[in-house]
Amino acid sequence: MTTTSIETDNAKRAEQIVQRAKAGEQAWGAVGVAQRREMLERFSALVEAKATEWVEIATRIKGLDPDSSIVGEEWTSGPYACIQYAQQLIPTLRRMEEGKGATDGFTIVPQPGDRVAVEVLPHTVWDHLLQSGFSAQVWIKPGVTEAQVRSRAGLGMKKPAQTNGTCLVLGAGNIFSIAPLDALYVLYADNRSVALKLNPITDDLLPILEAIFAPFIEIGAVQVFSSDIELGSLLTQHDGIDAVHMTGSEATHDVIVWGPGDQGAANKAADTPQLTKPMTSELGGVSPAIVVPGEWSSRDIEFQANHVATQRLHNAGSNCVAAQMVIISSDWAQKDQFLKALRRAMAKAPKRPSWYPGSADRVAAVREENPENAVPVGGTPERTLLSGLDLSDDSETAFETEFFAPVLGVSELPGLGADFLATAIDTSNERLRGTLGANIVIHPKTEEQIGEKTMSDLIASMRYGTVAINCWTGVGYLTATATWGAFPGHALNDIQSGHGVVHNAVLLADVERTVIRGPFRPYPRSVLAGEMSLTPKPPWFVNNKTAASTGEKLVRFAAQPGWGRLPAVFASALRG
């Protein structure tokens, strides 16, 4: 086929996609809240029916050993995330269907800086049992009252007949639930029809996505397709597409908004975007893992070293919110012990390929730029610990560039307790590129010494869309009632981690961030230390030996929660 015929074919295909999207918007507007809830119920059942096939395809795409425990990542970050979201959005719709408020039954509490927060986890009896010790709050922007939070919640479902046009969703290629979750959010929160363009990496999943979206495809509200760059470009610029949502890199975002190459750079400098329609985005960044010094046992050190290693090595480091920079106290007496444990944890994690395109090249570039600091840790050829980074060095690119590979940086700052944490937060805010997520690891006794008010004030000072305390920000991604996205306020010409949120199953407006907490120790050590947590080693830990079986059981439970399915989940989880 000639270049001209390809261009003609793409132009025709773009027009067909746009016309279907317009018709789909009209059809979606005719669907009431009750039927939309029923469609979600069908979606959830279809995901469970296709879950095994989904995971098998994902395993092949990523080159995983089908018998490896890390296949559990594909169960939890794929089908489980989608089912969980549907199952949490369904009761929100049911409340609205019955004439209640979207936030009815949720507690709202005050937070520093004239803020309030909605307590979204735990909420159900299953939350209390399966996520014991975990909690999440969605903080609202300053100045918004509890009454305003409750009256504004519901977003596009408040007036479903008043649709807001069509949206092109540009799917991500790294985590396979991102594209379908983004599409659902556009449908329900934004009240738009969806043209979902897959990342080429995920093309093999096209039949799965068409199957699970069948209730929406049947009426034209969703269409799923793969395409080349030219077709994607034609669609973003088409007048019949009213909005764009993407998950990807800041560089890709800027090409879409400003244009490629020198012309794009000139447009950005002049603040004259080539894309002027509304665009939301989730773009990753350089996420910190702040390790607050304290008096830790050797088992605490080993557990938290594996925790931080997971934050980097999950999905072979190809996560937008993978921890990239460990910030540790130079004055911590146990610093060296922790760093040795961290290196062991990275080396001993299950072997897997650095599967995402360009990963090996990015690792090689990091090692070439930092020949003295970049140390291969073993386990796989690419795993690298990049130590001795100076946060005051304005020329250090590791603070600006998202690696998207199994490379973990380490930087040191002086101080102990609240002084260290305050300095680490300020430095992260000012020096690290992006605002998607930040992690804090802190011993309960150290947090008690800092004090509840001071800790709350410190959290309020963090400019991150998800703040995770003693758990990974990836848990925020999996928590359907939480929000996921950058801290608000980025200008289009300095987009960093993006604009807007997704997930948000309570359909909250005026969101600023999510704050999520987990237990410092796993069960049973948690209980022995006086923590109210029955959670064993989480299934997303890279060294969890039963992650695959636990992940599958979580999928089955999420689709059909019931007391009879709990024992199998617990039995598998406790063996991890």
Protein backbone atom coordinates (compact mmCIF):
# COMPACT_ATOMS: atom_id res chain seq x y z
CA MET A 1 0.00 0.00 0.00
CA THR A 2 1.37 3.42 -0.95
CA THR A 3 1.84 6.31 1.49
CA THR A 4 -0.97 8.21 -0.21
CA SER A 5 -3.40 5.30 0.05
CA ILE A 6 -2.52 4.82 3.74
CA GLU A 7 -3.20 8.51 4.38
CA THR A 8 -6.52 8.27 2.52
CA ASP A 9 -7.48 5.15 4.46
CA ASN A 10 -6.61 6.82 7.78
CA ALA A 11 -8.65 9.90 6.88
CA LYS A 12 -11.69 7.72 6.10
CA ARG A 13 -11.21 5.68 9.24
CA ALA A 14 -10.88 8.79 11.39
CA GLU A 15 -14.14 10.12 9.97
CA GLN A 16 -15.89 6.83 10.71
CA ILE A 17 -14.61 6.79 14.29
CA VAL A 18 -15.76 10.36 14.87
CA GLN A 19 -19.22 9.73 13.43
CA ARG A 20 -19.62 6.65 15.63
CA ALA A 21 -18.49 8.66 18.65
CA LYS A 22 -21.07 11.36 17.94
CA ALA A 23 -23.84 8.81 17.56
CA GLY A 24 -22.58 7.09 20.70
CA GLU A 25 -22.86 10.32 22.65
CA GLN A 26 -26.53 10.64 21.71
CA ALA A 27 -27.17 7.02 22.65
CA TRP A 28 -25.35 7.40 25.98
CA GLY A 29 -27.43 10.46 26.83
CA ALA A 30 -30.58 8.39 26.47
CA VAL A 31 -29.41 5.89 29.09
CA GLY A 32 -30.57 6.57 32.64
CA VAL A 33 -28.62 5.97 35.84
CA ALA A 34 -30.29 2.63 36.59
CA GLN A 35 -29.41 1.20 33.19
CA ARG A 36 -25.88 2.58 33.46
CA ARG A 37 -25.52 0.72 36.74
CA GLU A 38 -26.76 -2.48 35.11
CA MET A 39 -24.22 -2.03 32.31
CA LEU A 40 -21.45 -1.81 34.90
CA GLU A 41 -22.69 -5.01 36.50
CA ARG A 42 -22.45 -6.74 33.13
CA PHE A 43 -18.99 -5.25 32.60
CA SER A 44 -17.79 -6.67 35.92
CA ALA A 45 -19.11 -10.13 35.10
CA LEU A 46 -17.51 -10.04 31.66
CA VAL A 47 -14.14 -9.06 33.12
CA GLU A 48 -14.27 -12.05 35.45
CA ALA A 49 -15.23 -14.33 32.56
CA LYS A 50 -12.28 -13.09 30.50
CA ALA A 51 -9.80 -12.73 33.38
CA THR A 52 -7.81 -15.91 32.79
CA GLU A 53 -7.42 -15.20 29.07
CA TRP A 54 -6.54 -11.57 29.86
CA VAL A 55 -3.75 -12.63 32.22
CA GLU A 56 -2.42 -15.23 29.77
CA ILE A 57 -2.12 -12.59 27.04
CA ALA A 58 -0.57 -10.06 29.42
CA THR A 59 1.95 -12.68 30.53
CA ARG A 60 3.00 -13.28 26.91
CA ILE A 61 3.25 -9.57 26.13
CA LYS A 62 5.56 -8.99 29.08
CA GLY A 63 7.59 -12.16 28.56
CA LEU A 64 6.83 -13.54 32.02
CA ASP A 65 7.25 -17.15 33.09
CA PRO A 66 3.61 -18.34 33.36
CA ASP A 67 4.55 -20.28 36.51
CA SER A 68 6.19 -17.29 38.23
CA SER A 69 4.61 -15.66 41.27
CA ILE A 70 4.97 -12.25 39.59
CA VAL A 71 2.12 -13.17 37.25
CA GLY A 72 0.13 -12.02 40.27
CA GLU A 73 0.90 -8.46 39.16
CA GLU A 74 -1.18 -9.07 36.04
CA TRP A 75 -4.13 -10.39 38.05
CA THR A 76 -4.17 -7.44 40.45
CA SER A 77 -3.23 -4.60 38.08
CA GLY A 78 -5.42 -5.97 35.30
CA PRO A 79 -8.80 -7.68 35.87
CA TYR A 80 -8.89 -7.02 39.62
CA ALA A 81 -8.46 -3.26 39.21
CA CYS A 82 -11.28 -3.15 36.66
CA ILE A 83 -13.71 -5.29 38.64
CA GLN A 84 -12.95 -3.44 41.84
CA TYR A 85 -13.65 -0.10 40.16
CA ALA A 86 -16.94 -1.26 38.71
CA GLN A 87 -18.01 -2.75 42.04
CA GLN A 88 -17.25 0.51 43.87
CA LEU A 89 -18.94 2.75 41.28
CA ILE A 90 -22.09 0.61 41.24
CA PRO A 91 -23.20 1.58 44.80
CA THR A 92 -22.55 5.26 44.01
CA LEU A 93 -24.93 4.99 41.07
CA ARG A 94 -27.42 3.04 43.15
CA ARG A 95 -27.48 5.81 45.76
CA MET A 96 -28.07 8.42 43.08
CA GLU A 97 -30.69 6.21 41.43
CA GLU A 98 -32.55 6.17 44.76
CA GLY A 99 -32.40 9.96 45.04
CA LYS A 100 -29.61 9.99 47.62
CA GLY A 101 -26.30 11.83 47.46
CA ALA A 102 -23.20 10.24 45.97
CA THR A 103 -21.39 10.70 49.30
CA ASP A 104 -24.17 9.41 51.55
CA GLY A 105 -22.64 7.07 54.14
CA PHE A 106 -19.15 8.56 53.82
CA THR A 107 -17.61 10.53 56.68
CA ILE A 108 -16.04 13.93 55.98
CA VAL A 109 -13.40 15.24 58.37
CA PRO A 110 -11.44 18.51 58.67
CA GLN A 111 -7.82 18.78 57.52
CA PRO A 112 -5.19 21.54 57.75
CA GLY A 113 -5.36 24.62 55.57
CA ASP A 114 -9.14 25.08 55.50
CA ARG A 115 -9.60 21.67 53.88
CA VAL A 116 -11.92 18.73 54.39
CA ALA A 117 -11.33 15.10 53.45
CA VAL A 118 -13.68 12.26 52.55
CA GLU A 119 -12.84 8.96 54.26
CA VAL A 120 -13.17 6.46 51.42
CA LEU A 121 -11.35 3.41 52.84
CA PRO A 122 -12.31 1.30 54.71
CA HIS A 123 -15.97 1.62 53.80
CA THR A 124 -17.47 -1.86 53.44
CA VAL A 125 -17.15 -4.91 55.66
CA TRP A 126 -14.96 -6.46 52.96
CA ASP A 127 -12.60 -3.48 53.16
CA HIS A 128 -12.20 -4.00 56.89
CA LEU A 129 -11.42 -7.68 56.40
CA LEU A 130 -9.29 -7.75 53.24
CA GLN A 131 -7.50 -4.42 53.72
CA SER A 132 -7.14 -4.41 57.48
CA GLY A 133 -4.79 -1.64 58.53
CA PHE A 134 -5.19 0.31 55.28
CA SER A 135 -7.10 3.58 55.03
CA ALA A 136 -7.58 6.32 52.45
CA GLN A 137 -8.89 9.86 52.45
CA VAL A 138 -9.59 12.08 49.48
CA TRP A 139 -8.61 15.63 50.39
CA ILE A 140 -10.60 18.42 48.80
CA LYS A 141 -9.16 21.75 47.67
CA PRO A 142 -8.91 24.47 50.32
CA GLY A 143 -12.01 26.51 51.00
CA VAL A 144 -14.56 23.89 49.90
CA THR A 145 -17.01 23.07 52.69
CA GLU A 146 -18.49 19.71 53.62
CA ALA A 147 -21.88 20.87 52.31
CA GLN A 148 -20.33 21.81 48.98
CA VAL A 149 -18.52 18.47 48.75
CA ARG A 150 -21.78 16.61 49.21
CA SER A 151 -23.80 18.81 46.85
CA ARG A 152 -21.22 18.70 44.03
CA ALA A 153 -20.47 14.97 44.17
CA GLY A 154 -21.89 12.91 41.34
CA LEU A 155 -20.27 14.81 38.48
CA GLY A 156 -21.67 13.76 35.11
CA MET A 157 -24.18 11.37 36.65
CA LYS A 158 -26.12 14.22 38.26
CA LYS A 159 -27.65 15.01 34.84
CA PRO A 160 -26.97 11.98 32.63
CA ALA A 161 -29.05 13.26 29.72
CA GLN A 162 -26.79 16.32 29.43
CA THR A 163 -23.77 14.72 27.79
CA ASN A 164 -20.53 16.62 27.27
CA GLY A 165 -19.50 15.45 23.83
CA THR A 166 -16.96 12.92 22.60
CA CYS A 167 -13.58 11.97 24.03
CA LEU A 168 -10.55 10.30 22.50
CA VAL A 169 -8.83 8.19 25.17
CA LEU A 170 -5.21 7.38 24.37
CA GLY A 171 -4.48 4.17 26.25
CA ALA A 172 -1.27 3.39 28.11
CA GLY A 173 0.96 0.44 27.25
CA ASN A 174 2.41 -0.52 30.62
CA ILE A 175 -0.43 -1.42 33.02
CA PHE A 176 -3.30 -3.06 31.22
CA SER A 177 -6.17 -1.82 33.37
CA ILE A 178 -5.30 1.83 32.70
CA ALA A 179 -7.04 2.10 29.33
CA PRO A 180 -10.35 0.50 30.39
CA LEU A 181 -10.41 2.41 33.70
CA ASP A 182 -9.78 5.70 31.91
CA ALA A 183 -12.58 4.90 29.48
CA LEU A 184 -15.02 4.16 32.31
CA TYR A 185 -14.15 7.41 34.06
CA VAL A 186 -14.75 9.43 30.90
CA LEU A 187 -18.10 7.69 30.46
CA TYR A 188 -19.39 8.13 34.00
CA ALA A 189 -17.65 11.15 35.48
CA ASP A 190 -17.30 13.26 32.34
CA ASN A 191 -20.47 11.91 30.70
CA ARG A 192 -18.88 11.61 27.27
CA SER A 193 -18.78 8.86 24.68
CA VAL A 194 -15.39 7.18 24.30
CA ALA A 195 -13.17 6.39 21.35
CA LEU A 196 -10.47 4.26 23.01
CA LYS A 197 -7.24 4.04 21.01
CA LEU A 198 -4.93 1.33 22.29
CA ASN A 199 -1.21 1.61 22.67
CA PRO A 200 0.30 -0.77 20.06
CA ILE A 201 1.88 -2.81 22.87
CA THR A 202 -1.60 -3.86 23.96
CA ASP A 203 -3.04 -4.71 20.54
CA ASP A 204 -3.27 -8.41 21.46
CA LEU A 205 -5.73 -7.43 24.20
CA LEU A 206 -8.13 -5.81 21.73
CA PRO A 207 -10.52 -8.81 21.63
CA ILE A 208 -10.59 -8.90 25.44
CA LEU A 209 -11.42 -5.20 25.70
CA GLU A 210 -14.09 -5.48 23.02
CA ALA A 211 -15.62 -8.37 24.96
CA ILE A 212 -15.69 -6.67 28.37
CA PHE A 213 -17.01 -3.39 26.93
CA ALA A 214 -19.80 -5.18 25.04
CA PRO A 215 -22.64 -3.46 26.98
CA PHE A 216 -21.27 -0.06 25.95
CA ILE A 217 -20.18 -1.03 22.43
CA GLU A 218 -23.68 -2.38 21.73
CA ILE A 219 -25.15 1.12 22.03
CA GLY A 220 -22.13 2.87 20.49
CA ALA A 221 -21.01 4.67 23.66
CA VAL A 222 -17.57 3.01 23.45
CA GLN A 223 -15.42 1.90 20.53
CA VAL A 224 -12.02 0.27 20.95
CA PHE A 225 -9.41 0.23 18.21
CA SER A 226 -5.71 0.16 17.44
CA SER A 227 -4.07 2.64 15.11
CA ASP A 228 -0.85 4.09 13.81
CA ILE A 229 0.54 7.50 14.80
CA GLU A 230 -1.07 9.28 11.86
CA LEU A 231 -4.59 8.09 12.67
CA GLY A 232 -4.12 9.06 16.31
CA SER A 233 -2.97 12.52 15.24
CA LEU A 234 -5.93 12.96 12.88
CA LEU A 235 -8.33 12.09 15.69
CA THR A 236 -6.79 14.41 18.28
CA GLN A 237 -7.14 17.31 15.86
CA HIS A 238 -10.58 16.40 14.49
CA ASP A 239 -13.32 18.92 15.23
CA GLY A 240 -15.68 16.06 16.05
CA ILE A 241 -13.57 15.01 19.03
CA ASP A 242 -14.44 17.34 21.90
CA ALA A 243 -11.84 16.26 24.47
CA VAL A 244 -8.72 14.12 24.81
CA HIS A 245 -7.48 12.05 27.73
CA MET A 246 -4.11 10.33 27.77
CA THR A 247 -1.83 8.33 30.03
CA GLY A 248 1.81 8.34 29.05
CA SER A 249 4.91 10.48 29.15
CA GLU A 250 5.28 14.24 29.44
CA ALA A 251 7.13 14.19 26.10
CA THR A 252 4.20 12.51 24.34
CA HIS A 253 1.78 14.96 25.89
CA ASP A 254 3.81 17.90 24.61
CA VAL A 255 3.96 16.52 21.08
CA ILE A 256 0.17 16.21 21.08
CA VAL A 257 -0.44 19.66 22.53
CA TRP A 258 2.36 21.72 20.98
CA GLY A 259 3.47 19.68 17.97
CA PRO A 260 6.66 17.76 17.19
CA GLY A 261 10.27 18.90 16.91
CA ASP A 262 11.38 22.50 16.52
CA GLN A 263 7.91 23.74 15.62
CA GLY A 264 6.51 22.20 18.80
CA ALA A 265 9.25 23.82 20.87
CA ALA A 266 8.49 27.17 19.25
CA ASN A 267 4.76 26.78 19.90
CA LYS A 268 5.44 25.94 23.53
CA ALA A 269 7.74 28.93 23.96
CA ALA A 270 5.10 31.20 22.43
CA ASP A 271 2.30 29.53 24.42
CA THR A 272 0.36 28.79 21.23
CA PRO A 273 -0.82 25.17 21.49
CA GLN A 274 -1.88 23.33 18.36
CA LEU A 275 -4.44 21.43 20.44
CA THR A 276 -6.92 23.80 22.05
CA LYS A 277 -9.67 21.40 23.14
CA PRO A 278 -9.85 20.19 26.77
CA MET A 279 -7.20 17.61 27.61
CA THR A 280 -6.69 15.62 30.78
CA SER A 281 -3.61 13.52 31.39
CA GLU A 282 -1.65 11.30 33.76
CA LEU A 283 2.06 11.49 33.00
CA GLY A 284 4.19 10.03 35.74
CA GLY A 285 7.34 11.66 37.07
CA VAL A 286 10.18 11.16 39.54
CA SER A 287 8.48 9.81 42.66
CA PRO A 288 10.23 9.87 46.04
CA ALA A 289 10.31 7.22 48.73
CA ILE A 290 11.12 9.14 51.91
CA VAL A 291 12.54 6.83 54.60
CA VAL A 292 12.19 8.58 57.95
CA PRO A 293 14.90 7.54 60.46
CA GLY A 294 13.86 5.70 63.60
CA GLU A 295 14.65 2.72 65.79
CA TRP A 296 13.83 -0.30 63.61
CA SER A 297 14.21 -4.00 64.28
CA SER A 298 16.13 -6.13 61.78
CA ARG A 299 12.82 -7.60 60.59
CA ASP A 300 11.41 -4.10 60.10
CA ILE A 301 14.43 -3.26 57.95
CA GLU A 302 14.08 -6.38 55.82
CA PHE A 303 10.33 -5.90 55.32
CA GLN A 304 10.60 -2.22 54.42
CA ALA A 305 13.60 -2.85 52.15
CA ASN A 306 11.42 -5.30 50.20
CA HIS A 307 8.63 -2.74 50.30
CA VAL A 308 10.80 -0.03 48.69
CA ALA A 309 12.26 -2.55 46.21
CA THR A 310 8.68 -3.41 45.19
CA GLN A 311 7.93 0.26 44.62
CA ARG A 312 10.69 0.26 41.99
CA LEU A 313 10.66 -3.28 40.55
CA HIS A 314 6.93 -3.89 40.17
CA ASN A 315 6.28 -4.32 36.43
CA ALA A 316 10.08 -4.22 35.88
CA GLY A 317 10.12 -0.56 36.85
CA SER A 318 7.77 0.40 34.01
CA ASN A 319 5.24 2.23 36.16
CA CYS A 320 4.40 5.91 36.07
CA VAL A 321 4.39 5.94 39.86
CA ALA A 322 7.33 3.65 40.52
CA ALA A 323 9.47 5.07 43.31
CA GLN A 324 12.58 6.47 41.63
CA MET A 325 14.37 8.35 44.38
CA VAL A 326 14.93 7.03 47.91
CA ILE A 327 15.55 9.94 50.27
CA ILE A 328 17.26 8.77 53.44
CA SER A 329 18.84 10.50 56.44
CA SER A 330 22.62 10.77 56.49
CA ASP A 331 22.30 10.93 60.30
CA TRP A 332 20.34 7.66 60.66
CA ALA A 333 22.36 5.12 62.60
CA GLN A 334 20.74 2.30 60.61
CA LYS A 335 21.19 3.88 57.19
CA ASP A 336 23.87 1.46 55.98
CA GLN A 337 21.96 -1.54 57.27
CA PHE A 338 18.85 -0.43 55.38
CA LEU A 339 20.72 0.25 52.13
CA LYS A 340 22.39 -3.18 52.26
CA ALA A 341 18.97 -4.77 52.79
CA LEU A 342 17.55 -2.74 49.91
CA ARG A 343 20.29 -3.96 47.59
CA ARG A 344 19.64 -7.57 48.66
CA ALA A 345 15.92 -7.16 48.11
CA MET A 346 16.47 -5.85 44.58
CA ALA A 347 18.87 -8.70 43.77
CA LYS A 348 16.65 -11.45 45.19
CA ALA A 349 13.40 -10.33 43.58
CA PRO A 350 12.12 -12.83 40.99
CA LYS A 351 13.86 -12.62 37.63
CA ARG A 352 11.94 -11.05 34.81
CA PRO A 353 12.77 -9.29 31.53
CA SER A 354 12.92 -5.52 31.29
CA TRP A 355 10.11 -5.83 28.81
CA TYR A 356 8.98 -2.28 28.12
CA PRO A 357 10.41 -0.92 24.85
CA GLY A 358 13.58 1.13 25.38
CA SER A 359 14.11 -0.02 28.97
CA ALA A 360 17.57 -1.51 28.37
CA ASP A 361 18.66 1.60 26.48
CA ARG A 362 17.53 3.85 29.31
CA VAL A 363 19.45 1.74 31.84
CA ALA A 364 22.57 1.91 29.67
CA ALA A 365 22.23 5.69 29.43
CA VAL A 366 21.93 6.03 33.22
CA ARG A 367 25.01 3.90 33.77
CA GLU A 368 26.99 5.81 31.16
CA GLU A 369 26.07 9.16 32.70
CA ASN A 370 26.81 7.95 36.26
CA PRO A 371 29.74 5.52 35.90
CA GLU A 372 30.81 5.84 39.55
CA ASN A 373 27.37 5.87 41.20
CA ALA A 374 25.42 3.35 39.12
CA VAL A 375 25.91 -0.15 40.56
CA PRO A 376 24.29 -3.28 39.06
CA VAL A 377 22.71 -5.14 41.97
CA GLY A 378 22.15 -8.51 40.30
CA GLY A 379 18.98 -10.50 39.80
CA THR A 380 18.66 -9.24 36.23
CA PRO A 381 21.21 -7.38 34.09
CA GLU A 382 19.30 -4.09 34.23
CA ARG A 383 18.63 -3.72 37.97
CA THR A 384 20.67 -0.76 39.16
CA LEU A 385 21.11 1.15 42.40
CA LEU A 386 22.17 4.73 41.72
CA SER A 387 23.70 5.93 44.99
CA GLY A 388 25.30 9.13 46.21
CA LEU A 389 23.06 11.55 44.31
CA ASP A 390 23.28 15.16 45.47
CA LEU A 391 19.89 16.84 45.70
CA SER A 392 21.57 20.25 45.61
CA ASP A 393 23.18 19.48 42.23
CA ASP A 394 21.14 21.34 39.62
CA SER A 395 22.81 19.40 36.81
CA GLU A 396 21.75 15.94 38.04
CA THR A 397 19.28 14.59 35.47
CA ALA A 398 18.06 11.75 37.71
CA PHE A 399 15.86 14.28 39.52
CA GLU A 400 14.30 15.44 36.26
CA THR A 401 14.05 12.32 34.06
CA GLU A 402 11.66 9.46 34.63
CA PHE A 403 13.70 6.28 34.13
CA PHE A 404 10.78 3.89 33.43
CA ALA A 405 13.21 1.04 34.06
CA PRO A 406 14.54 -0.92 37.08
CA VAL A 407 16.88 1.84 38.26
CA LEU A 408 16.51 3.19 41.81
CA GLY A 409 18.28 6.35 42.98
CA VAL A 410 19.40 7.11 46.53
CA SER A 411 19.96 10.57 47.98
CA GLU A 412 20.78 11.65 51.51
CA LEU A 413 19.70 14.63 53.58
CA PRO A 414 20.66 15.50 57.16
CA GLY A 415 18.32 15.45 60.11
CA LEU A 416 16.07 13.29 62.28
CA GLY A 417 12.35 13.16 63.04
CA ALA A 418 10.13 16.03 61.95
CA ASP A 419 13.11 18.13 60.83
CA PHE A 420 14.25 15.45 58.39
CA LEU A 421 10.74 14.81 57.09
CA ALA A 422 10.08 18.52 56.55
CA THR A 423 13.35 18.92 54.66
CA ALA A 424 12.71 15.83 52.55
CA ILE A 425 9.21 17.03 51.66
CA ASP A 426 10.39 20.53 50.73
CA THR A 427 13.21 19.07 48.64
CA SER A 428 10.88 16.65 46.86
CA ASN A 429 8.43 19.45 46.12
CA GLU A 430 11.09 21.70 44.65
CA ARG A 431 13.66 19.36 43.13
CA LEU A 432 11.89 16.27 41.77
CA ARG A 433 10.01 16.46 38.48
CA GLY A 434 6.35 15.56 38.68
CA THR A 435 3.62 15.40 41.32
CA LEU A 436 1.84 12.09 40.76
CA GLY A 437 2.81 10.31 43.97
CA ALA A 438 5.11 10.30 46.98
CA ASN A 439 5.83 7.57 49.54
CA ILE A 440 6.73 7.94 53.21
CA VAL A 441 8.05 5.05 55.30
CA ILE A 442 7.93 5.86 59.01
CA HIS A 443 7.99 3.81 62.22
CA PRO A 444 4.80 4.27 64.29
CA LYS A 445 6.81 5.43 67.31
CA THR A 446 8.58 8.06 65.22
CA GLU A 447 5.26 9.30 63.90
CA GLU A 448 3.92 9.40 67.45
CA GLN A 449 6.91 11.51 68.51
CA ILE A 450 6.31 13.90 65.62
CA GLY A 451 2.69 14.30 66.70
CA GLU A 452 -0.60 14.09 64.83
CA LYS A 453 -0.94 17.82 64.14
CA THR A 454 2.61 18.24 62.87
CA MET A 455 2.27 15.13 60.72
CA SER A 456 -0.98 16.41 59.21
CA ASP A 457 0.62 19.79 58.49
CA LEU A 458 3.58 18.08 56.82
CA ILE A 459 1.28 15.98 54.64
CA ALA A 460 -0.65 19.12 53.72
CA SER A 461 2.60 20.70 52.53
CA MET A 462 3.23 17.91 50.01
CA ARG A 463 2.43 18.76 46.41
CA TYR A 464 1.52 15.26 45.23
CA GLY A 465 -1.70 13.75 43.91
CA THR A 466 -1.29 10.63 46.05
CA VAL A 467 0.63 10.52 49.32
CA ALA A 468 1.22 7.02 50.68
CA ILE A 469 2.33 6.48 54.28
CA ASN A 470 3.73 3.01 54.97
CA CYS A 471 2.27 1.74 51.73
CA TRP A 472 3.06 2.22 48.07
CA THR A 473 1.23 4.87 46.06
CA GLY A 474 0.32 2.02 43.69
CA VAL A 475 -2.19 1.00 46.35
CA GLY A 476 -3.86 4.33 45.68
CA TYR A 477 -4.17 3.32 42.03
CA LEU A 478 -5.89 0.08 43.09
CA THR A 479 -8.23 1.83 45.55
CA ALA A 480 -11.26 2.56 43.39
CA THR A 481 -12.84 5.07 45.75
CA ALA A 482 -9.61 7.09 45.84
CA THR A 483 -8.58 9.54 43.14
CA TRP A 484 -5.62 9.10 40.83
CA GLY A 485 -3.79 11.93 39.12
CA ALA A 486 -1.31 14.76 39.51
CA PHE A 487 -1.48 17.45 42.15
CA PRO A 488 -3.65 20.23 40.64
CA GLY A 489 -2.29 23.43 39.18
CA HIS A 490 0.19 22.54 36.44
CA ALA A 491 0.25 24.95 33.51
CA LEU A 492 -0.11 23.48 30.04
CA ASN A 493 3.44 24.50 29.14
CA ASP A 494 4.81 22.91 32.35
CA ILE A 495 2.49 19.93 32.62
CA GLN A 496 4.79 17.63 34.70
CA SER A 497 2.48 14.81 35.90
CA GLY A 498 -0.61 16.00 34.09
CA HIS A 499 -4.03 17.50 34.71
CA GLY A 500 -7.21 16.04 36.19
CA VAL A 501 -8.00 12.75 37.96
CA VAL A 502 -9.47 9.35 37.19
CA HIS A 503 -10.93 6.43 39.23
CA ASN A 504 -12.78 8.42 41.95
CA ALA A 505 -15.69 5.98 42.27
CA VAL A 506 -17.54 8.30 44.67
CA LEU A 507 -17.49 10.90 41.87
CA LEU A 508 -16.10 13.69 44.02
CA ALA A 509 -15.54 17.21 42.67
CA ASP A 510 -12.82 19.73 43.63
CA VAL A 511 -10.28 17.03 44.46
CA GLU A 512 -6.77 17.95 45.59
CA ARG A 513 -5.15 14.64 46.56
CA THR A 514 -5.52 11.18 48.07
CA VAL A 515 -3.75 10.25 51.30
CA ILE A 516 -3.45 6.51 51.86
CA ARG A 517 -2.00 4.64 54.82
CA GLY A 518 -0.87 1.09 55.46
CA PRO A 519 0.57 -0.91 58.35
CA PHE A 520 4.28 -0.59 59.10
CA ARG A 521 4.51 -4.34 59.76
CA PRO A 522 2.67 -7.33 58.27
CA TYR A 523 0.52 -9.75 60.27
CA PRO A 524 1.25 -11.34 62.73
CA ARG A 525 4.08 -8.97 63.74
CA SER A 526 1.65 -6.07 63.43
CA VAL A 527 -0.60 -7.46 66.15
CA LEU A 528 2.34 -8.38 68.38
CA ALA A 529 3.52 -4.76 68.11
CA GLY A 530 0.09 -3.37 68.97
CA GLU A 531 -0.96 -2.36 65.44
CA MET A 532 -4.58 -2.99 64.46
CA SER A 533 -3.80 -4.80 61.23
CA LEU A 534 -4.47 -8.37 60.11
CA THR A 535 -2.89 -7.89 56.66
CA PRO A 536 -0.06 -10.32 55.82
CA LYS A 537 2.62 -9.53 53.25
CA PRO A 538 0.67 -7.69 50.51
CA PRO A 539 0.23 -9.60 47.23
CA TRP A 540 1.82 -6.79 45.22
CA PHE A 541 5.20 -7.30 46.95
CA VAL A 542 7.65 -8.63 44.37
CA ASN A 543 8.86 -11.30 46.81
CA ASN A 544 5.37 -12.60 47.64
CA LYS A 545 5.50 -16.32 46.77
CA THR A 546 1.73 -16.75 46.40
CA ALA A 547 0.98 -13.51 44.56
CA ALA A 548 -0.39 -15.29 41.49
CA SER A 549 -2.85 -17.52 43.35
CA THR A 550 -3.86 -14.71 45.70
CA GLY A 551 -4.35 -12.35 42.77
CA GLU A 552 -6.66 -14.75 40.99
CA LYS A 553 -8.66 -15.39 44.16
CA LEU A 554 -9.00 -11.63 44.71
CA VAL A 555 -10.42 -11.30 41.20
CA ARG A 556 -13.02 -13.99 41.85
CA PHE A 557 -13.90 -12.48 45.22
CA ALA A 558 -14.18 -8.92 43.87
CA ALA A 559 -16.56 -10.06 41.15
CA GLN A 560 -18.80 -11.97 43.58
CA PRO A 561 -18.05 -11.00 47.19
CA GLY A 562 -19.22 -13.49 49.77
CA TRP A 563 -18.25 -15.14 53.02
CA GLY A 564 -17.70 -18.47 51.31
CA ARG A 565 -14.88 -17.07 49.17
CA LEU A 566 -12.95 -15.44 52.00
CA PRO A 567 -11.18 -18.52 53.43
CA ALA A 568 -9.44 -19.27 50.10
CA VAL A 569 -8.21 -15.66 49.82
CA PHE A 570 -6.85 -15.66 53.37
CA ALA A 571 -5.28 -19.10 53.04
CA SER A 572 -3.37 -18.05 49.94
CA ALA A 573 -2.41 -14.61 51.31
CA LEU A 574 -1.05 -16.02 54.57
CA ARG A 575 1.34 -18.29 52.67
CA GLY A 576 2.93 -15.32 50.87
